Protein backbone atom coordinates (compact mmCIF):
# COMPACT_ATOMS: atom_id res chain seq x y z
CA MET A 1 73.65 7.25 -50.74
CA GLU A 2 74.57 4.54 -48.23
CA ASN A 3 75.84 2.24 -50.98
CA LEU A 4 77.93 5.13 -52.32
CA GLN A 5 79.62 5.51 -48.93
CA LYS A 6 80.29 1.79 -48.79
CA GLN A 7 81.79 1.85 -52.29
CA LYS A 8 84.00 4.84 -51.39
CA ALA A 9 85.21 3.02 -48.27
CA ILE A 10 86.11 -0.04 -50.34
CA GLU A 11 87.95 2.17 -52.84
CA LYS A 12 89.87 3.89 -50.02
CA ILE A 13 91.11 0.57 -48.65
CA ASN A 14 91.93 -0.74 -52.14
CA ASP A 15 93.94 2.40 -52.88
CA GLU A 16 95.84 2.05 -49.62
CA MET A 17 96.54 -1.62 -50.36
CA GLN A 18 97.99 -0.66 -53.75
CA GLU A 19 100.50 1.68 -52.10
CA THR A 20 102.44 -1.38 -50.87
CA PRO A 21 101.32 -4.31 -53.05
CA GLU A 22 104.24 -6.46 -51.88
CA ASN A 23 103.13 -6.27 -48.22
CA THR A 24 101.22 -9.45 -47.43
CA TYR A 25 99.95 -8.06 -44.12
CA THR A 26 98.42 -5.05 -45.84
CA GLU A 27 96.74 -7.37 -48.32
CA VAL A 28 95.30 -9.75 -45.70
CA ILE A 29 94.07 -7.00 -43.41
CA GLY A 30 92.84 -4.90 -46.32
CA HIS A 31 90.72 -7.77 -47.66
CA TYR A 32 89.39 -8.42 -44.16
CA ILE A 33 88.31 -4.78 -43.89
CA ILE A 34 86.68 -4.82 -47.33
CA ASP A 35 84.79 -8.00 -46.45
CA HIS A 36 83.44 -6.36 -43.30
CA ILE A 37 82.46 -2.92 -44.60
CA THR A 38 78.74 -2.29 -44.34
CA ASN A 39 76.50 0.67 -45.06
CA VAL A 40 76.52 1.33 -41.31
CA ASN A 41 80.28 1.34 -40.64
CA ALA A 42 81.52 2.79 -43.97
CA GLU A 43 81.72 6.28 -42.48
CA TYR A 44 84.27 5.04 -39.90
CA VAL A 45 86.43 3.51 -42.62
CA LEU A 46 86.25 6.77 -44.58
CA ASP A 47 87.66 8.77 -41.65
CA LYS A 48 90.61 10.64 -43.20
CA ASP A 49 92.55 10.35 -39.94
CA LYS A 50 92.56 6.54 -40.14
CA THR A 51 94.68 4.67 -42.63
CA LEU A 52 95.71 1.10 -43.21
CA ASN A 53 99.37 2.00 -42.66
CA GLN A 54 98.61 3.69 -39.33
CA LEU A 55 96.66 0.60 -38.27
CA LEU A 56 99.61 -1.64 -39.16
CA SER A 57 101.88 0.63 -37.10
CA LYS A 58 99.55 0.22 -34.11
CA ILE A 59 99.53 -3.56 -34.55
CA THR A 60 103.32 -3.60 -34.78
CA ALA A 61 103.63 -1.43 -31.66
CA THR A 62 101.33 -3.80 -29.75
CA ALA A 63 103.40 -6.79 -30.88
CA LYS A 64 106.63 -5.08 -29.79
CA LYS A 65 105.16 -4.39 -26.34
CA GLN A 66 104.24 -8.06 -25.94
CA ALA A 67 107.53 -9.40 -27.34
CA LYS A 68 109.66 -11.69 -25.23
CA ASN A 69 113.30 -12.10 -26.27
CA ASN A 70 112.54 -10.06 -29.42
CA ILE A 71 109.88 -12.55 -30.51
CA ALA A 72 106.27 -11.44 -30.81
CA VAL A 73 103.22 -13.45 -31.69
CA LEU A 74 99.72 -12.06 -31.90
CA ALA A 75 96.72 -14.32 -32.33
CA ASP A 76 94.56 -13.73 -35.40
CA ALA A 77 91.61 -12.89 -33.17
CA GLU A 78 93.65 -10.23 -31.36
CA VAL A 79 94.78 -8.61 -34.61
CA PHE A 80 91.33 -8.64 -36.17
CA ALA A 81 89.83 -7.24 -32.95
CA MET A 82 92.26 -4.34 -33.28
CA VAL A 83 91.19 -3.89 -36.92
CA ASP A 84 87.51 -3.94 -35.94
CA ASP A 85 88.10 -1.41 -33.19
CA TYR A 86 90.27 0.92 -35.30
CA PHE A 87 87.91 1.08 -38.27
CA GLY A 88 84.64 0.65 -36.36
CA LEU A 89 83.81 -2.59 -38.13
CA GLY A 90 81.82 -3.82 -35.17
CA VAL A 91 79.45 -0.87 -35.33
CA VAL A 92 75.86 -1.84 -35.93
CA ALA A 93 72.87 0.36 -36.66
CA ASP A 94 71.92 2.75 -33.92
CA ALA A 95 69.20 1.12 -31.91
CA LYS A 96 66.20 3.15 -30.90
CA ILE A 97 65.75 2.56 -27.24
CA GLY A 98 62.29 2.91 -25.86
CA SER A 99 60.22 1.40 -23.14
CA ILE A 100 58.01 -1.58 -23.58
CA GLY A 101 55.48 -2.37 -20.91
CA ILE A 102 54.89 -6.02 -20.19
CA ASN A 103 52.56 -7.16 -17.49
CA ILE A 104 53.43 -10.52 -16.04
CA ASN A 105 51.42 -12.25 -13.41
CA PHE A 106 53.59 -14.90 -11.85
CA ASP A 107 50.49 -16.77 -10.76
CA ASP A 108 50.07 -17.69 -14.42
CA PHE A 109 53.21 -19.84 -14.14
CA ILE A 110 52.06 -21.84 -11.15
């Protein structure tokens, strides 16, 4: 089932990329997303409230806020960090947190 979710997430992004095939930004960011979809984060990409076009609008708004004299430049790392955050691409498997008891006698190190 996990692979099915991943495949659906890839299809969603591909479909959104095809809506504006002439848009280079959509293509670059779309391929980045597809390359980073995992079984763990696919559910975030599938969120119906999140689209590639909405993400591009957020990136554009951020660039406009940072513009000086109507010129805006965003570093690749900044843009891809926004992509990761928007689509949850940095999400890793939920870790099970428990307690591990370790007895250390510092005399052993002397």
